[in-house]
Protein backbone atom coordinates (compact mmCIF):
# COMPACT_ATOMS: atom_id res chain seq x y z
CA MET A 1 -2.42 -16.24 3.31
CA ALA A 2 -5.38 -18.44 2.37
CA ARG A 3 -3.08 -21.17 1.11
CA ALA A 4 -1.01 -21.05 4.33
CA VAL A 5 -4.14 -21.36 6.45
CA GLU A 6 -5.27 -24.39 4.45
CA GLU A 7 -1.86 -26.03 4.90
CA HIS A 8 -1.84 -25.56 8.68
CA TRP A 9 -5.51 -25.71 9.73
CA PRO A 10 -6.30 -29.13 11.27
CA GLY A 11 -10.10 -29.06 11.30
CA ASP A 12 -13.11 -28.10 9.21
CA LEU A 13 -12.56 -25.00 7.12
CA SER A 14 -14.39 -23.03 4.47
CA GLY A 15 -14.10 -19.49 3.25
CA LEU A 16 -13.61 -16.92 0.55
CA VAL A 17 -10.88 -14.38 -0.15
CA VAL A 18 -10.53 -11.65 -2.75
CA THR A 19 -7.24 -10.58 -4.28
CA ARG A 20 -5.96 -8.62 -7.25
CA TYR A 21 -6.20 -10.00 -10.78
CA GLY A 22 -3.29 -12.35 -11.36
CA HIS A 23 -2.40 -12.58 -7.66
CA GLY A 24 -4.39 -15.67 -6.73
CA ALA A 25 -2.91 -18.90 -5.35
CA PRO A 26 -4.16 -22.50 -5.68
CA THR A 27 -6.45 -23.47 -2.80
CA SER A 28 -8.81 -26.37 -2.15
CA ARG A 29 -11.15 -25.30 0.65
CA ILE A 30 -11.05 -21.51 0.44
CA LYS A 31 -12.49 -19.93 -2.68
CA VAL A 32 -10.33 -17.26 -4.32
CA ILE A 33 -11.90 -14.42 -6.31
CA GLU A 34 -9.79 -11.93 -8.27
CA ALA A 35 -10.91 -8.32 -8.66
CA GLY A 36 -9.80 -4.80 -9.57
CA HIS A 37 -7.12 -2.81 -7.77
CA PRO A 38 -6.45 0.07 -7.10
CA VAL A 39 -9.79 0.99 -8.69
CA PRO A 40 -12.60 -1.25 -7.38
CA ASP A 41 -14.81 -3.09 -9.85
CA ALA A 42 -17.94 -5.26 -10.02
CA ALA A 43 -15.99 -8.43 -9.20
CA GLY A 44 -14.79 -6.90 -5.94
CA LEU A 45 -18.30 -5.77 -5.12
CA ALA A 46 -19.67 -9.27 -5.68
CA ALA A 47 -16.90 -10.82 -3.56
CA ALA A 48 -17.48 -8.37 -0.71
CA LYS A 49 -21.19 -9.13 -0.73
CA GLN A 50 -20.51 -12.86 -0.63
CA ILE A 51 -18.11 -12.44 2.27
CA LYS A 52 -20.54 -10.34 4.28
CA ASP A 53 -23.45 -12.69 3.54
CA SER A 54 -21.38 -15.73 4.55
CA VAL A 55 -20.90 -14.45 8.13
CA SER A 56 -24.30 -12.88 8.70
CA ASP A 57 -25.92 -15.91 10.41
CA LEU A 58 -23.14 -17.13 12.71
CA GLY A 59 -23.46 -17.92 16.40
CA PRO A 60 -21.31 -17.36 19.49
CA ASP A 61 -19.53 -20.73 19.03
CA ASP A 62 -18.33 -19.94 15.50
CA LEU A 63 -14.81 -18.74 14.70
CA VAL A 64 -14.00 -16.42 11.80
CA LEU A 65 -10.45 -15.84 10.55
CA CYS A 66 -10.03 -12.52 8.79
CA LEU A 67 -6.90 -12.56 6.60
CA ILE A 68 -6.10 -8.92 5.90
CA SER A 69 -3.37 -7.40 3.76
CA GLY A 70 -2.79 -4.26 1.73
CA GLY A 71 -5.10 -3.64 -1.20
CA GLY A 72 -8.20 -4.75 0.65
CA SER A 73 -9.68 -1.25 0.59
CA ALA A 74 -10.18 -1.42 -3.17
CA LEU A 75 -10.76 -5.17 -3.41
CA LEU A 76 -13.42 -5.38 -0.70
CA ALA A 77 -15.75 -2.91 -2.40
CA LEU A 78 -19.25 -2.82 -0.98
CA PRO A 79 -20.68 0.72 -1.06
CA ALA A 80 -22.97 1.87 1.71
CA PRO A 81 -26.71 1.91 0.94
CA GLY A 82 -27.62 4.58 -1.61
CA ILE A 83 -24.03 4.98 -2.87
CA LEU A 84 -23.03 3.65 -6.27
CA LEU A 85 -19.83 1.79 -7.07
CA GLU A 86 -19.19 4.55 -9.61
CA ASP A 87 -19.23 7.09 -6.77
CA LYS A 88 -16.52 5.20 -4.90
CA GLN A 89 -14.48 4.70 -8.06
CA ALA A 90 -14.55 8.41 -8.88
CA ILE A 91 -13.70 9.57 -5.36
CA GLY A 92 -10.96 6.97 -4.99
CA ASN A 93 -9.37 7.93 -8.31
CA VAL A 94 -9.14 11.59 -7.35
CA LEU A 95 -7.83 10.81 -3.86
CA LEU A 96 -5.12 8.51 -5.24
CA LYS A 97 -3.85 11.31 -7.50
CA SER A 98 -4.22 14.09 -4.93
CA GLY A 99 -1.19 13.32 -2.76
CA ALA A 100 -3.43 12.38 0.18
CA SER A 101 -1.92 9.92 2.66
CA ILE A 102 -3.19 6.35 2.90
CA HIS A 103 -4.65 7.22 6.32
CA GLU A 104 -6.73 10.01 4.74
CA ILE A 105 -7.78 7.93 1.74
CA ASN A 106 -8.91 5.01 3.88
CA CYS A 107 -10.76 7.30 6.28
CA VAL A 108 -13.02 8.30 3.39
CA ARG A 109 -13.28 4.75 2.10
CA LYS A 110 -14.43 3.46 5.50
CA HIS A 111 -17.27 5.92 5.82
CA LEU A 112 -18.60 5.13 2.34
CA SER A 113 -18.53 1.36 2.87
CA ALA A 114 -20.98 -1.26 4.09
CA ILE A 115 -18.18 -3.64 5.08
CA LYS A 116 -15.04 -1.70 6.00
CA GLY A 117 -14.35 0.39 9.10
CA GLY A 118 -15.37 -2.45 11.45
CA ARG A 119 -18.66 -3.18 9.72
CA LEU A 120 -17.60 -6.73 8.82
CA ALA A 121 -17.13 -7.46 12.54
CA LEU A 122 -20.52 -5.94 13.20
CA ALA A 123 -22.08 -8.32 10.66
CA THR A 124 -20.14 -11.28 12.10
CA ALA A 125 -21.21 -10.82 15.74
CA PRO A 126 -21.78 -12.73 17.97
CA ALA A 127 -19.13 -15.03 16.44
CA ARG A 128 -15.51 -14.74 17.58
CA VAL A 129 -13.20 -13.03 15.08
CA VAL A 130 -9.42 -13.47 14.88
CA THR A 131 -7.81 -11.01 12.48
CA LEU A 132 -4.36 -11.80 11.03
CA ILE A 133 -2.77 -8.83 9.29
CA ILE A 134 0.13 -8.29 6.91
CA SER A 135 0.72 -4.55 7.12
CA ASP A 136 1.40 -2.32 4.14
CA VAL A 137 0.78 1.03 5.84
CA PRO A 138 3.11 3.31 7.82
CA GLY A 139 2.59 2.76 11.54
CA ASN A 140 0.87 -0.65 11.13
CA ASP A 141 -2.47 0.65 12.43
CA PRO A 142 -4.98 -2.24 11.98
CA SER A 143 -7.80 0.25 11.46
CA VAL A 144 -6.02 1.66 8.39
CA ILE A 145 -4.78 -1.56 6.74
CA ALA A 146 -7.37 -2.50 4.10
CA SER A 147 -9.58 0.10 5.85
CA GLY A 148 -10.00 -2.17 8.88
CA PRO A 149 -13.10 -4.25 8.03
CA SER A 150 -12.90 -6.31 11.24
CA VAL A 151 -11.47 -3.81 13.74
CA PRO A 152 -12.77 -0.67 15.50
CA ASP A 153 -12.56 2.61 13.61
CA PRO A 154 -11.38 5.64 15.60
CA THR A 155 -12.09 8.08 12.73
CA THR A 156 -15.38 9.91 12.24
CA THR A 157 -17.55 11.16 9.43
CA ALA A 158 -16.32 14.65 10.30
CA ASP A 159 -12.77 13.41 9.58
CA ALA A 160 -13.87 12.00 6.23
CA LEU A 161 -15.58 15.25 5.26
CA ALA A 162 -12.46 17.19 6.26
CA VAL A 163 -10.30 15.03 3.94
CA LEU A 164 -12.68 15.67 1.04
CA LYS A 165 -12.70 19.39 1.76
CA LYS A 166 -8.92 19.58 2.13
CA ASN A 167 -8.41 17.92 -1.26
CA ARG A 168 -11.25 19.87 -2.92
CA ILE A 169 -13.06 16.72 -4.01
CA ALA A 170 -16.59 17.20 -5.26
CA VAL A 171 -19.02 14.38 -4.43
CA SER A 172 -22.49 13.44 -5.61
CA SER A 173 -25.56 14.55 -3.71
CA ALA A 174 -26.12 10.96 -2.56
CA VAL A 175 -22.59 10.76 -1.07
CA ASN A 176 -22.92 14.17 0.57
CA GLU A 177 -26.30 13.27 2.08
CA PHE A 178 -25.01 9.94 3.39
CA LEU A 179 -21.90 11.44 4.99
CA HIS A 180 -24.05 13.94 6.86
CA GLY A 181 -26.35 11.23 8.20
CA PRO A 182 -26.02 8.89 11.20
CA GLU A 183 -25.61 5.71 9.12
CA ALA A 184 -22.20 6.85 7.88
CA GLU A 185 -20.63 6.50 11.33
CA THR A 186 -18.54 3.38 11.86
CA PRO A 187 -18.31 1.05 14.92
CA LYS A 188 -15.95 2.58 17.48
CA PRO A 189 -13.47 1.14 20.01
CA GLY A 190 -15.39 -0.38 22.91
CA ALA A 191 -18.35 -1.50 20.79
CA ALA A 192 -19.83 -4.84 21.84
CA CYS A 193 -19.11 -6.48 18.47
CA PHE A 194 -15.36 -6.38 19.21
CA GLU A 195 -15.42 -7.78 22.77
CA LYS A 196 -14.29 -11.36 21.97
CA ASN A 197 -12.09 -10.54 19.02
CA GLU A 198 -8.30 -10.71 18.59
CA VAL A 199 -6.03 -8.78 16.22
CA HIS A 200 -2.49 -9.89 15.31
CA VAL A 201 -0.12 -8.05 12.95
CA ILE A 202 2.03 -10.91 11.64
CA ALA A 203 4.32 -9.20 9.09
CA THR A 204 5.44 -5.61 8.53
CA SER A 205 7.80 -3.45 6.51
CA GLN A 206 10.29 -3.59 9.38
CA ASP A 207 10.60 -7.35 8.88
CA ALA A 208 11.63 -6.84 5.24
CA LEU A 209 14.13 -4.12 6.14
CA ALA A 210 15.66 -6.22 8.92
CA ALA A 211 16.10 -9.15 6.52
CA ALA A 212 17.78 -6.87 3.96
CA ALA A 213 20.05 -5.48 6.68
CA ASP A 214 21.17 -9.02 7.54
CA VAL A 215 22.05 -9.67 3.89
CA ALA A 216 24.03 -6.42 3.74
CA ARG A 217 26.08 -7.34 6.82
CA LYS A 218 26.91 -10.75 5.36
CA HIS A 219 28.39 -8.94 2.35
CA GLY A 220 30.44 -6.49 4.39
CA VAL A 221 28.09 -3.54 3.87
CA ASN A 222 26.96 -1.31 6.74
CA PRO A 223 23.14 -1.16 6.81
CA VAL A 224 21.25 1.88 8.11
CA ILE A 225 17.48 1.56 8.48
CA LEU A 226 16.12 5.07 8.04
CA GLY A 227 12.58 4.06 8.97
CA TYR A 228 9.88 1.54 8.12
CA ALA A 229 7.10 4.16 8.02
CA VAL A 230 8.47 6.85 5.71
CA GLU A 231 5.75 9.05 4.19
CA GLY A 232 5.62 12.23 2.11
CA GLU A 233 5.93 13.13 -1.55
CA ALA A 234 8.12 10.56 -3.30
CA ARG A 235 10.32 13.23 -4.89
CA ASP A 236 10.83 14.99 -1.54
CA VAL A 237 11.85 11.73 0.13
CA ALA A 238 14.34 11.28 -2.72
CA LEU A 239 15.94 14.66 -1.99
CA VAL A 240 16.45 13.72 1.66
CA GLN A 241 18.01 10.36 0.84
CA ALA A 242 20.31 11.91 -1.77
CA GLU A 243 21.57 14.30 0.90
CA ILE A 244 22.18 11.41 3.32
CA ALA A 245 24.22 9.68 0.58
CA ARG A 246 26.34 12.82 0.26
CA GLN A 247 26.79 12.90 4.05
CA ILE A 248 28.12 9.35 3.92
CA ALA A 249 30.67 10.40 1.30
CA ASP A 250 31.72 13.62 3.03
CA ARG A 251 31.56 12.70 6.72
CA GLY A 252 31.14 8.95 7.02
CA GLU A 253 27.77 9.53 8.69
CA PRO A 254 25.42 7.91 9.59
CA ALA A 255 27.79 5.06 8.62
CA ARG A 256 30.95 4.61 6.64
CA SER A 257 30.91 3.41 3.05
CA PRO A 258 30.06 0.82 1.89
CA CYS A 259 26.68 1.69 3.33
CA LEU A 260 23.14 0.61 2.48
CA LEU A 261 20.32 3.04 3.31
CA LEU A 262 17.09 1.09 3.81
CA SER A 263 13.59 2.48 4.17
CA GLY A 264 10.00 1.35 3.93
CA GLY A 265 6.59 2.95 4.22
CA GLU A 266 4.39 4.48 1.59
CA THR A 267 5.16 7.73 -0.17
CA THR A 268 2.63 9.66 -2.21
CA VAL A 269 2.60 11.23 -5.65
CA THR A 270 0.58 14.32 -6.48
CA VAL A 271 -0.20 13.68 -10.14
CA ARG A 272 0.07 16.81 -12.26
CA GLY A 273 1.22 15.31 -15.56
CA ALA A 274 -0.25 12.76 -17.95
CA GLY A 275 2.61 10.26 -17.80
CA ARG A 276 2.84 6.70 -16.52
CA GLY A 277 4.42 5.76 -13.23
CA GLY A 278 4.16 4.80 -9.59
CA ARG A 279 5.56 6.14 -6.35
CA ASN A 280 8.71 3.98 -6.47
CA THR A 281 9.74 4.91 -10.00
CA GLU A 282 8.96 8.55 -9.18
CA PHE A 283 11.22 8.32 -6.12
CA LEU A 284 14.05 6.85 -8.20
CA LEU A 285 13.79 9.39 -11.01
CA ALA A 286 13.91 12.24 -8.49
CA LEU A 287 16.82 10.53 -6.72
CA ALA A 288 18.79 10.16 -9.95
CA ILE A 289 18.34 13.87 -10.70
CA ALA A 290 19.40 14.85 -7.17
CA LEU A 291 22.50 12.61 -7.27
CA GLU A 292 23.64 14.12 -10.58
CA GLY A 293 25.46 10.97 -11.68
CA ASN A 294 27.28 10.34 -8.40
CA PRO A 295 29.69 7.50 -9.27
CA ASP A 296 29.35 5.82 -5.88
CA VAL A 297 25.57 5.38 -5.61
CA HIS A 298 23.17 2.74 -6.88
CA ALA A 299 19.55 2.36 -5.77
CA ILE A 300 16.47 0.20 -6.11
CA ALA A 301 12.88 0.88 -5.04
CA CYS A 302 9.97 -1.51 -5.40
CA ASP A 303 6.51 -2.22 -4.08
CA THR A 304 6.75 -5.53 -2.26
CA ASP A 305 3.56 -6.89 -3.87
CA GLY A 306 5.25 -6.71 -7.28
CA ILE A 307 3.15 -3.85 -8.66
CA ASP A 308 4.15 -0.18 -8.50
CA GLY A 309 1.00 1.86 -9.01
CA THR A 310 -1.09 0.61 -11.92
CA GLU A 311 1.69 -0.67 -14.18
CA ASN A 312 3.16 -4.20 -14.36
CA ASN A 313 6.53 -3.43 -12.75
CA ALA A 314 7.52 -3.74 -9.12
CA GLY A 315 9.78 -0.71 -9.39
CA ALA A 316 13.11 0.18 -11.00
CA LEU A 317 16.80 0.75 -10.31
CA ILE A 318 19.29 3.53 -10.93
CA ALA A 319 23.06 3.57 -11.42
CA PRO A 320 25.69 6.31 -11.80
CA ASP A 321 25.16 6.31 -15.59
CA THR A 322 21.34 6.54 -15.51
CA LEU A 323 21.13 10.20 -16.55
CA ALA A 324 23.89 9.85 -19.17
CA ARG A 325 22.16 6.88 -20.80
CA ALA A 326 18.87 8.77 -20.75
CA ARG A 327 20.41 11.79 -22.47
CA ALA A 328 21.86 9.49 -25.14
CA LEU A 329 18.29 8.39 -25.87
CA GLY A 330 17.07 11.99 -26.03
CA LEU A 331 15.32 11.82 -22.65
CA ASP A 332 15.38 14.74 -20.22
CA ALA A 333 14.93 13.43 -16.67
CA ALA A 334 13.50 16.68 -15.28
CA THR A 335 10.90 16.87 -18.04
CA GLU A 336 9.85 13.27 -17.46
CA LEU A 337 9.57 13.84 -13.71
CA ALA A 338 7.41 16.92 -14.23
CA ALA A 339 5.09 14.79 -16.39
CA ASN A 340 4.95 11.99 -13.77
CA ASN A 341 6.35 9.75 -16.51
CA ALA A 342 8.89 7.73 -14.53
CA PHE A 343 7.66 4.35 -15.79
CA SER A 344 8.26 5.31 -19.40
CA PHE A 345 11.67 6.78 -18.50
CA PHE A 346 12.93 3.57 -16.91
CA GLU A 347 11.23 1.41 -19.52
CA ALA A 348 13.28 3.16 -22.22
CA LEU A 349 16.46 2.41 -20.24
CA ASP A 350 15.43 -1.22 -19.64
CA ASP A 351 15.83 -0.53 -15.91
CA LEU A 352 12.39 -1.59 -14.69
CA VAL A 353 12.24 -4.33 -12.06
CA MET A 354 9.69 -6.98 -13.08
CA THR A 355 8.95 -9.60 -10.43
CA GLY A 356 5.34 -10.49 -11.11
CA PRO A 357 2.98 -11.00 -8.18
CA THR A 358 4.88 -11.78 -4.96
CA LEU A 359 1.70 -12.84 -3.11
CA THR A 360 2.49 -10.66 -0.12
CA ASN A 361 2.58 -6.93 0.62
CA VAL A 362 4.60 -5.08 3.25
CA SER A 363 4.50 -1.73 1.43
CA ASP A 364 7.45 -0.16 -0.38
CA PHE A 365 11.11 -1.18 -0.16
CA ARG A 366 13.92 1.27 -0.92
CA ALA A 367 17.65 0.55 -0.83
CA VAL A 368 20.31 3.15 -1.63
CA LEU A 369 23.87 1.77 -1.79
CA HIS A 370 26.90 4.00 -1.34
CA HIS A 371 30.08 2.15 -2.33
CA ARG A 372 33.14 4.21 -3.11
CA VAL A 373 34.72 2.98 -6.32
CA ARG A 374 37.71 5.34 -6.61
């Protein structure tokens, strides 16, 4: 995004962006800092402080472009006064493993931050702010994407406390005290700091699915977009899509074979085992088990930024012989799924998808192909 702005901006320009380690792009006028994701680190904290400081003395004639995409919640890490980075790291780690939705996770993040939840816009006022967003969250709500640093926050501290209570997350006394105080509340819709600002969502999961559907049609395959905002446990979503694949075979619904089921959004994984994996590999492992070696179905699932969870793969793929090949290697798919060890399962089969950083992020991409071969 920073590189594109540099290529198309005609006048004076300076700035700073923060992205994940290894995901930077060459720029000349905008400084790029790389930091930790999904767990925030000191580099992200330093970058967030620089960004906030750089806009703190602007006037009403200044223009600020906020380039927002998924991952910003962890990368733009500036804890609220009295809260340690270690507090945010610990809470974030537990939330990410709890099965909480991205809306719930970012609600908590916003109320523990000195820059997210609209606080960057508050620091930028009275300058004009134009926010350009690439969405990686179901529903494309600007206040959720990267925890909405430059847009109004409709959630409250009571909401954040409810998420912590629901997921039984213990917090430090400093965090508890802050969340029960007035400073934890974020700028709300209608606040003066947002009066002159604009927000534009410029790319979404639906765009990726529509492009894939066009490719399918060109190859004589019937595309069915199941939804760009699919949520829920990855293994539960897999069960639903396996059943739809069977419906295609048995009834020709919702489309006749060859048919490509497409879906986006962001599933969750409640981590109970000690294995390695991400939500896309977990989805695929559960899908392979549910399909039981169906000879007509292949599937791929990837995170569009090129990283599924905390590993170095974008996702993986399955074929009719996935379970048979696994058994030949002494792997039991159900055991690996119970251990949340989908990465290791597909690594052993050499079925991981490795793209490297894609430099964009429109959430997850899933494609399930039913093509009758007999």
